[in-house]
Amino acid sequence: MPTIDDPTLIRCADRERLSGALLDTRARTLRTFSAYERALATNGFRIPYSPEVNPPLWELGHVGWFQEYWIGRNPQRIHGVAADPEAPRAESSLTNADGLYDSSRIEHTTRWRLPLPGAAETRDYLARTLEQTLQIVAQADAAQQGLLYFAWLTLMHEDMHHEAALYMANSLGIPIEIGLPTGSRAAGTDQPKELTYGATRFRLGATNGDFAFDNELMPSSIDVDRFRIDRAPVDNGAFAAFIADGGYQKSSHWSTDGWAWRQRGDARWPRTWRPADGGWQQNWFGRWIELDDAAPVTNLTWHEAQAWCQWAGRRLPTEVEWEVAALTMPQPPVTAPMQFGQVWEWTASVFEPYPGFTPHPYRDYSSPWFGSRRVLRGGSFAAHPRIRHPRYRNFFTPERSDIFAGFRSCAIAA
């Protein structure tokens, strides 16, 4: 795997590799936006309002603004995580950029009413800000790790927004050529269906010295009890059995909040499914395709994952258990850590700070969301490989089903 794709190596990359990765993510951003242009340019990129997404033109401009704000306009960029986030910024190369794209100050519903620049002007803005960023990063010496931290942060930010553009395209039915998540490579073999991990003392959180998100810090040692976890995420076939057994009609399988969610939307199956000829079809970027029973189930809420576990006599893993499984060896006969990266995986854990948490300069990344989100781990097929780090903590509200999220389960008793 090239360095710019490797989720571990990119966290300690030098200026050349970070520059290459910034060019790579921008090419992906623009390629996906071209699909939006083909589908939406004739109606001015208008889409129905949704609290789950942002207007496509706003999304495009925002990634350029974020890069310019934290690198090109940031007088404290060399200080990295010690930078003062409130330091006065230089003027943007785009008139009123802060009034258009500052997500910390512009309320979500307001973004749909802003006089945004058109696609061509927005592309020009992204080209200017990227050129400026690459020139600044190219001048960084080995002692300027602070500047490289911001290069890494803006890279990760754009990668995240690119995945968001993909799952928004799926929700809107915008055609994009992208592969489906695939089933476990162990399917059909004599490999065990579960991995067993003995009680251990585990070092949770990112290691010092590499780039990391603030919510991955500070590392600490904790005791973890013995547990058994699925070798692979729950697949479509297993989830279809839950539906066939009346899982969506029995409140006993659901939490109080989950049952209320199901009733509000009269949910009877996952949002992208429909019955077809005695089986199921899946809506995939504007096309109805036959559901692959062996592929991991995706586009599930946390509530649906929890309900399946209750029905199956299982439970969701904690995020600590998930991280242990991703980074350490299970008990024999298995000889490799748990594999992941096809779907984001809901965990039982509420998104909370680790002991010793200190916010990084991008204050709105973690702190506002503690206590109100559930943690997902792993990474989806649509996430760039460099996002899929075993310590990366994704987090969404439990009713979200537009993201490419599934789950794996643990045994109740280890």
Protein backbone atom coordinates (compact mmCIF):
# COMPACT_ATOMS: atom_id res chain seq x y z
CA MET A 1 0.00 0.00 0.00
CA PRO A 2 1.47 3.43 -0.92
CA THR A 3 2.40 5.65 2.02
CA ILE A 4 -0.29 8.20 1.16
CA ASP A 5 -2.93 5.45 1.45
CA ASP A 6 -1.61 3.75 4.59
CA PRO A 7 -3.63 4.79 7.68
CA THR A 8 -0.63 4.37 10.00
CA LEU A 9 2.14 5.82 7.86
CA ILE A 10 0.13 8.91 6.87
CA ARG A 11 0.06 9.86 10.56
CA CYS A 12 3.81 10.36 10.54
CA ALA A 13 4.25 11.44 6.92
CA ASP A 14 6.71 14.09 5.75
CA ARG A 15 5.90 17.11 3.59
CA GLU A 16 6.35 15.28 0.28
CA ARG A 17 3.95 12.49 1.18
CA LEU A 18 1.40 14.84 2.70
CA SER A 19 1.53 17.01 -0.42
CA GLY A 20 0.94 13.95 -2.58
CA ALA A 21 -1.99 12.92 -0.41
CA LEU A 22 -3.52 16.43 -0.61
CA LEU A 23 -3.37 16.24 -4.40
CA ASP A 24 -4.91 12.77 -4.29
CA THR A 25 -7.86 13.75 -2.10
CA ARG A 26 -8.56 16.87 -4.16
CA ALA A 27 -8.68 14.81 -7.36
CA ARG A 28 -11.22 12.50 -5.70
CA THR A 29 -13.28 15.45 -4.47
CA LEU A 30 -13.50 16.98 -7.94
CA ARG A 31 -14.17 13.67 -9.66
CA THR A 32 -17.14 12.98 -7.40
CA PHE A 33 -18.40 16.55 -7.73
CA SER A 34 -18.47 16.02 -11.50
CA ALA A 35 -21.13 13.34 -10.91
CA TYR A 36 -23.15 15.91 -8.98
CA GLU A 37 -22.76 18.35 -11.86
CA ARG A 38 -24.10 15.83 -14.36
CA ALA A 39 -27.10 15.15 -12.13
CA LEU A 40 -27.88 18.56 -10.65
CA ALA A 41 -26.32 21.42 -12.62
CA THR A 42 -29.47 22.05 -14.65
CA ASN A 43 -31.50 22.80 -11.51
CA GLY A 44 -28.85 24.89 -9.79
CA PHE A 45 -27.63 22.02 -7.54
CA ARG A 46 -30.83 22.18 -5.51
CA ILE A 47 -31.65 19.14 -3.41
CA PRO A 48 -34.38 18.58 -0.79
CA TYR A 49 -33.48 19.90 2.64
CA SER A 50 -32.18 17.27 5.05
CA PRO A 51 -30.60 17.71 8.47
CA GLU A 52 -28.25 14.86 7.56
CA VAL A 53 -26.40 16.57 4.69
CA ASN A 54 -25.23 19.90 3.30
CA PRO A 55 -25.95 21.51 -0.09
CA PRO A 56 -23.47 20.13 -2.66
CA LEU A 57 -22.01 23.54 -3.58
CA TRP A 58 -21.57 24.37 0.10
CA GLU A 59 -19.76 21.07 0.66
CA LEU A 60 -17.35 21.78 -2.19
CA GLY A 61 -16.54 25.31 -1.08
CA HIS A 62 -16.22 24.30 2.57
CA VAL A 63 -13.30 21.91 1.99
CA GLY A 64 -11.36 24.70 0.27
CA TRP A 65 -12.27 27.17 3.01
CA PHE A 66 -11.20 24.76 5.77
CA GLN A 67 -7.80 24.26 4.16
CA GLU A 68 -7.24 27.97 3.65
CA TYR A 69 -8.45 28.83 7.17
CA TRP A 70 -6.14 26.43 8.98
CA ILE A 71 -3.07 26.72 6.71
CA GLY A 72 -3.03 29.66 4.29
CA ARG A 73 -4.66 32.19 6.64
CA ASN A 74 -3.52 30.78 9.97
CA PRO A 75 -0.74 32.91 11.54
CA GLN A 76 -0.11 30.18 14.14
CA ARG A 77 0.05 27.21 11.79
CA ILE A 78 3.60 26.28 12.82
CA HIS A 79 2.40 25.66 16.39
CA GLY A 80 0.19 22.69 15.47
CA VAL A 81 -2.05 21.51 18.30
CA ALA A 82 -0.78 24.39 20.48
CA ALA A 83 -2.04 27.02 18.03
CA ASP A 84 -4.54 29.60 19.24
CA PRO A 85 -7.74 28.90 17.26
CA GLU A 86 -8.96 32.47 17.80
CA ALA A 87 -5.87 34.14 16.33
CA PRO A 88 -6.99 36.80 13.79
CA ARG A 89 -6.87 35.45 10.26
CA ALA A 90 -5.63 37.08 7.07
CA GLU A 91 -8.25 37.85 4.42
CA SER A 92 -9.49 34.98 2.29
CA SER A 93 -8.91 34.95 -1.45
CA LEU A 94 -12.72 34.65 -1.76
CA THR A 95 -14.98 37.51 -0.73
CA ASN A 96 -17.00 36.70 2.41
CA ALA A 97 -15.63 33.15 2.61
CA ASP A 98 -16.09 33.06 6.38
CA GLY A 99 -19.69 34.15 5.99
CA LEU A 100 -20.32 31.33 3.55
CA TYR A 101 -18.36 28.30 4.73
CA ASP A 102 -17.46 28.58 8.42
CA SER A 103 -19.32 25.56 9.81
CA SER A 104 -18.67 26.67 13.39
CA ARG A 105 -20.65 29.87 12.93
CA ILE A 106 -23.16 29.18 10.17
CA GLU A 107 -26.20 27.26 11.40
CA HIS A 108 -27.10 24.25 9.29
CA THR A 109 -30.43 25.49 7.92
CA THR A 110 -28.80 28.80 6.97
CA ARG A 111 -26.41 27.04 4.58
CA TRP A 112 -29.33 26.25 2.29
CA ARG A 113 -30.16 29.95 1.82
CA LEU A 114 -26.70 31.39 1.24
CA PRO A 115 -25.74 33.14 -2.03
CA LEU A 116 -23.07 30.58 -2.85
CA PRO A 117 -20.65 31.03 -5.76
CA GLY A 118 -21.32 28.86 -8.80
CA ALA A 119 -19.48 25.66 -9.62
CA ALA A 120 -16.78 27.28 -11.79
CA GLU A 121 -15.97 29.99 -9.24
CA THR A 122 -15.89 27.43 -6.45
CA ARG A 123 -13.50 25.20 -8.41
CA ASP A 124 -11.23 28.22 -8.96
CA TYR A 125 -11.27 28.92 -5.22
CA LEU A 126 -10.29 25.33 -4.47
CA ALA A 127 -7.47 25.50 -7.01
CA ARG A 128 -6.08 28.70 -5.45
CA THR A 129 -6.24 27.41 -1.91
CA LEU A 130 -4.64 24.09 -2.81
CA GLU A 131 -1.78 25.83 -4.66
CA GLN A 132 -1.23 28.07 -1.64
CA THR A 133 -1.25 25.08 0.72
CA LEU A 134 1.23 23.10 -1.37
CA GLN A 135 3.62 26.06 -1.52
CA ILE A 136 3.50 26.49 2.26
CA VAL A 137 3.91 22.78 2.99
CA ALA A 138 6.84 22.56 0.54
CA GLN A 139 8.74 25.10 2.64
CA ALA A 140 8.27 23.23 5.91
CA ASP A 141 11.47 21.90 7.46
CA ALA A 142 11.83 18.89 9.71
CA ALA A 143 11.24 21.02 12.81
CA GLN A 144 7.84 22.28 11.62
CA GLN A 145 5.73 19.33 12.69
CA GLY A 146 3.03 21.78 13.74
CA LEU A 147 2.48 22.87 10.16
CA LEU A 148 2.46 19.25 9.01
CA TYR A 149 -0.19 18.49 11.63
CA PHE A 150 -2.50 21.00 9.95
CA ALA A 151 -1.66 19.52 6.55
CA TRP A 152 -2.69 16.11 7.92
CA LEU A 153 -5.83 17.56 9.54
CA THR A 154 -7.03 19.21 6.33
CA LEU A 155 -6.26 16.00 4.43
CA MET A 156 -8.39 13.94 6.81
CA HIS A 157 -11.13 16.58 6.73
CA GLU A 158 -11.36 16.44 2.94
CA ASP A 159 -11.29 12.63 2.96
CA MET A 160 -14.24 12.66 5.39
CA HIS A 161 -16.20 15.10 3.28
CA HIS A 162 -15.51 13.00 0.20
CA GLU A 163 -17.07 9.98 1.87
CA ALA A 164 -19.99 12.20 2.90
CA ALA A 165 -20.40 13.21 -0.75
CA LEU A 166 -20.58 9.52 -1.67
CA TYR A 167 -23.19 8.55 0.88
CA MET A 168 -25.20 11.67 0.04
CA ALA A 169 -25.06 10.65 -3.64
CA ASN A 170 -26.36 7.22 -2.68
CA SER A 171 -29.25 8.77 -0.75
CA LEU A 172 -30.09 11.08 -3.65
CA GLY A 173 -29.82 8.36 -6.30
CA ILE A 174 -26.95 10.08 -8.13
CA PRO A 175 -25.17 7.49 -10.32
CA ILE A 176 -21.57 6.87 -9.28
CA GLU A 177 -19.52 3.85 -10.26
CA ILE A 178 -18.33 2.32 -7.00
CA GLY A 179 -17.98 -1.23 -5.78
CA LEU A 180 -20.22 -2.82 -3.20
CA PRO A 181 -18.97 -3.93 0.21
CA THR A 182 -17.92 -7.57 0.08
CA GLY A 183 -18.38 -10.48 2.43
CA SER A 184 -15.74 -12.01 4.66
CA ARG A 185 -12.92 -13.80 2.90
CA ALA A 186 -13.40 -16.57 5.46
CA ALA A 187 -16.91 -17.30 4.23
CA GLY A 188 -17.32 -20.92 3.24
CA THR A 189 -14.16 -22.04 5.04
CA ASP A 190 -13.63 -23.93 8.26
CA GLN A 191 -12.45 -20.77 10.03
CA PRO A 192 -14.28 -20.07 13.32
CA LYS A 193 -17.16 -17.60 13.15
CA GLU A 194 -16.02 -15.89 16.35
CA LEU A 195 -12.70 -14.59 17.63
CA THR A 196 -11.89 -15.06 21.32
CA TYR A 197 -9.79 -12.59 23.29
CA GLY A 198 -8.59 -13.33 26.79
CA ALA A 199 -8.70 -10.84 29.65
CA THR A 200 -5.95 -8.29 29.15
CA ARG A 201 -4.56 -4.94 30.15
CA PHE A 202 -4.78 -2.81 27.01
CA ARG A 203 -3.27 0.51 25.99
CA LEU A 204 -6.26 2.46 24.64
CA GLY A 205 -5.83 5.51 22.43
CA ALA A 206 -3.34 6.96 19.99
CA THR A 207 0.38 6.83 20.74
CA ASN A 208 2.31 10.01 21.36
CA GLY A 209 4.42 11.35 18.51
CA ASP A 210 2.13 10.67 15.57
CA PHE A 211 -0.64 12.87 14.23
CA ALA A 212 -3.93 12.04 15.95
CA PHE A 213 -7.38 13.46 16.56
CA ASP A 214 -7.98 15.02 19.95
CA ASN A 215 -10.64 12.44 20.86
CA GLU A 216 -8.07 9.63 20.43
CA LEU A 217 -5.97 11.09 23.24
CA MET A 218 -4.75 10.68 25.92
CA PRO A 219 -3.60 7.06 25.82
CA SER A 220 -4.27 5.07 28.97
CA SER A 221 -4.05 1.47 30.18
CA ILE A 222 -7.33 -0.26 31.05
CA ASP A 223 -8.41 -3.76 32.02
CA VAL A 224 -10.56 -5.60 29.48
CA ASP A 225 -12.46 -8.77 30.33
CA ARG A 226 -12.45 -11.86 28.12
CA PHE A 227 -14.86 -11.56 25.17
CA ARG A 228 -15.92 -13.26 21.95
CA ILE A 229 -16.64 -11.17 18.85
CA ASP A 230 -17.84 -12.00 15.33
CA ARG A 231 -15.05 -12.63 12.88
CA ALA A 232 -16.92 -10.55 10.28
CA PRO A 233 -19.73 -7.98 10.32
CA VAL A 234 -23.30 -9.28 10.30
CA ASP A 235 -24.35 -9.99 6.72
CA ASN A 236 -27.52 -9.28 4.77
CA GLY A 237 -28.72 -12.86 5.06
CA ALA A 238 -28.53 -12.82 8.85
CA PHE A 239 -30.33 -9.49 9.00
CA ALA A 240 -33.04 -10.72 6.61
CA ALA A 241 -33.73 -13.57 9.05
CA PHE A 242 -34.47 -10.97 11.74
CA ILE A 243 -37.00 -9.30 9.44
CA ALA A 244 -38.59 -12.62 8.48
CA ASP A 245 -39.05 -13.43 12.16
CA GLY A 246 -41.03 -10.24 12.70
CA GLY A 247 -38.15 -8.34 14.23
CA TYR A 248 -39.51 -4.94 13.22
CA GLN A 249 -42.92 -5.71 14.75
CA LYS A 250 -41.80 -6.87 18.22
CA SER A 251 -41.05 -4.09 20.68
CA SER A 252 -39.27 -6.56 22.97
CA HIS A 253 -36.25 -6.49 20.64
CA TRP A 254 -35.89 -2.72 20.74
CA SER A 255 -34.72 -0.13 23.21
CA THR A 256 -37.29 2.49 24.20
CA ASP A 257 -35.67 5.07 21.92
CA GLY A 258 -35.26 2.51 19.15
CA TRP A 259 -38.92 1.48 19.22
CA ALA A 260 -39.96 5.15 19.14
CA TRP A 261 -37.69 5.66 16.11
CA ARG A 262 -39.20 2.63 14.36
CA GLN A 263 -42.74 3.82 14.98
CA ARG A 264 -42.10 7.40 13.84
CA GLY A 265 -40.98 6.24 10.42
CA ASP A 266 -43.01 3.01 10.29
CA ALA A 267 -39.75 1.20 9.52
CA ARG A 268 -40.25 -2.37 8.37
CA TRP A 269 -36.77 -3.08 6.95
CA PRO A 270 -33.53 -1.14 6.27
CA ARG A 271 -33.96 2.14 4.42
CA THR A 272 -32.27 0.97 1.21
CA TRP A 273 -34.14 -2.39 0.95
CA ARG A 274 -37.38 -3.44 -0.70
CA PRO A 275 -39.07 -6.85 -1.11
CA ALA A 276 -38.75 -8.36 -4.60
CA ASP A 277 -39.83 -11.79 -5.89
CA GLY A 278 -39.59 -13.47 -2.52
CA GLY A 279 -36.21 -11.90 -1.77
CA TRP A 280 -34.76 -8.44 -1.39
CA GLN A 281 -33.36 -5.67 -3.54
CA GLN A 282 -31.07 -2.84 -2.48
CA ASN A 283 -31.11 0.73 -3.79
CA TRP A 284 -27.55 1.46 -4.82
CA PHE A 285 -26.70 4.90 -6.27
CA GLY A 286 -29.99 5.15 -8.11
CA ARG A 287 -30.34 1.49 -9.18
CA TRP A 288 -32.26 -1.36 -7.60
CA ILE A 289 -29.97 -4.40 -7.48
CA GLU A 290 -30.33 -7.88 -6.04
CA LEU A 291 -29.24 -8.06 -2.41
CA ASP A 292 -26.13 -10.15 -1.78
CA ASP A 293 -26.85 -12.30 1.28
CA ALA A 294 -23.14 -12.73 2.02
CA ALA A 295 -22.27 -9.02 1.95
CA PRO A 296 -22.24 -7.03 5.20
CA VAL A 297 -25.51 -5.26 5.93
CA THR A 298 -25.18 -1.50 5.62
CA ASN A 299 -27.16 1.73 5.98
CA LEU A 300 -28.44 0.67 9.38
CA THR A 301 -29.21 2.84 12.37
CA TRP A 302 -27.71 2.04 15.76
CA HIS A 303 -31.24 1.17 16.84
CA GLU A 304 -31.53 -1.54 14.17
CA ALA A 305 -28.15 -3.00 15.08
CA GLN A 306 -29.09 -3.11 18.76
CA ALA A 307 -32.47 -4.71 17.99
CA TRP A 308 -30.87 -7.46 15.90
CA CYS A 309 -28.46 -8.22 18.75
CA GLN A 310 -31.33 -8.45 21.23
CA TRP A 311 -33.20 -10.81 18.89
CA ALA A 312 -30.10 -12.96 18.31
CA GLY A 313 -29.13 -13.18 21.98
CA ARG A 314 -26.00 -11.18 21.32
CA ARG A 315 -24.74 -7.66 22.08
CA LEU A 316 -22.84 -4.88 20.40
CA PRO A 317 -19.13 -4.67 21.29
CA THR A 318 -17.83 -1.74 23.26
CA GLU A 319 -15.41 0.44 21.37
CA VAL A 320 -12.63 -0.76 23.68
CA GLU A 321 -13.34 -4.39 22.80
CA TRP A 322 -13.43 -3.44 19.13
CA GLU A 323 -10.02 -1.76 19.36
CA VAL A 324 -8.54 -4.73 21.21
CA ALA A 325 -9.79 -7.06 18.47
CA ALA A 326 -8.40 -4.83 15.71
CA LEU A 327 -4.94 -4.50 17.24
CA THR A 328 -4.15 -7.73 19.10
CA MET A 329 -4.04 -11.41 18.32
CA PRO A 330 -7.03 -13.58 19.22
CA GLN A 331 -6.66 -16.93 20.89
CA PRO A 332 -5.76 -19.93 18.69
CA PRO A 333 -6.50 -21.29 16.19
CA VAL A 334 -6.86 -17.84 14.60
CA THR A 335 -3.53 -16.26 13.70
CA ALA A 336 -4.43 -12.68 12.67
CA PRO A 337 -6.24 -9.72 14.23
CA MET A 338 -9.82 -8.97 13.25
CA GLN A 339 -10.23 -7.64 9.72
CA PHE A 340 -12.31 -4.53 9.04
CA GLY A 341 -12.92 -1.79 6.48
CA GLN A 342 -16.04 -2.77 4.52
CA VAL A 343 -18.63 -0.93 6.64
CA TRP A 344 -18.49 1.41 9.60
CA GLU A 345 -19.35 -0.61 12.68
CA TRP A 346 -21.70 0.62 15.37
CA THR A 347 -20.50 -0.07 18.91
CA ALA A 348 -22.34 0.00 22.22
CA SER A 349 -20.30 3.00 23.36
CA VAL A 350 -21.46 6.57 23.73
CA PHE A 351 -18.96 9.06 22.29
CA GLU A 352 -17.16 10.46 25.33
CA PRO A 353 -13.72 12.00 25.95
CA TYR A 354 -10.86 9.83 27.14
CA PRO A 355 -9.34 10.74 30.53
CA GLY A 356 -7.02 13.71 30.11
CA PHE A 357 -8.78 14.97 26.96
CA THR A 358 -7.64 18.37 25.72
CA PRO A 359 -9.30 19.89 22.65
CA HIS A 360 -7.15 20.63 19.63
CA PRO A 361 -7.44 23.97 17.80
CA TYR A 362 -10.38 22.77 15.69
CA ARG A 363 -12.60 22.98 18.75
CA ASP A 364 -15.79 21.82 17.04
CA TYR A 365 -14.42 18.48 15.93
CA SER A 366 -15.13 16.54 19.13
CA SER A 367 -16.20 18.55 22.17
CA PRO A 368 -19.71 19.62 21.05
CA TRP A 369 -20.71 16.02 20.32
CA PHE A 370 -19.67 14.22 23.48
CA GLY A 371 -22.57 12.42 25.08
CA SER A 372 -24.95 12.71 22.12
CA ARG A 373 -23.40 10.32 19.56
CA ARG A 374 -22.59 6.62 19.36
CA VAL A 375 -19.12 5.50 18.37
CA LEU A 376 -18.49 3.67 15.10
CA ARG A 377 -15.20 1.99 14.31
CA GLY A 378 -13.38 0.56 11.33
CA GLY A 379 -14.22 2.39 8.11
CA SER A 380 -16.37 1.70 5.09
CA PHE A 381 -15.60 0.66 1.53
CA ALA A 382 -16.30 4.31 0.58
CA ALA A 383 -13.82 5.75 3.08
CA HIS A 384 -10.31 6.36 1.83
CA PRO A 385 -7.98 3.60 3.12
CA ARG A 386 -5.96 6.14 5.11
CA ILE A 387 -9.07 6.90 7.20
CA ARG A 388 -9.40 3.25 8.28
CA HIS A 389 -7.10 3.42 11.29
CA PRO A 390 -7.83 0.99 14.14
CA ARG A 391 -7.85 3.84 16.67
CA TYR A 392 -10.01 6.22 14.65
CA ARG A 393 -13.31 7.07 16.38
CA ASN A 394 -16.21 7.96 14.11
CA PHE A 395 -19.42 9.14 15.73
CA PHE A 396 -23.01 9.74 14.66
CA THR A 397 -26.43 10.06 16.25
CA PRO A 398 -28.13 6.65 16.61
CA GLU A 399 -30.90 7.32 14.06
CA ARG A 400 -28.51 7.97 11.15
CA SER A 401 -28.90 5.42 8.35
CA ASP A 402 -27.52 7.33 5.37
CA ILE A 403 -23.94 6.43 6.30
CA PHE A 404 -22.44 3.12 5.22
CA ALA A 405 -22.76 1.59 8.67
CA GLY A 406 -23.30 -1.99 9.81
CA PHE A 407 -22.12 -3.88 12.89
CA ARG A 408 -20.68 -7.03 14.33
CA SER A 409 -21.80 -8.68 17.55
CA CYS A 410 -20.36 -10.19 20.71
CA ALA A 411 -21.43 -13.19 22.76
CA ILE A 412 -23.33 -12.28 25.92
CA ALA A 413 -21.13 -14.59 27.99
CA ALA A 414 -17.48 -14.97 27.13
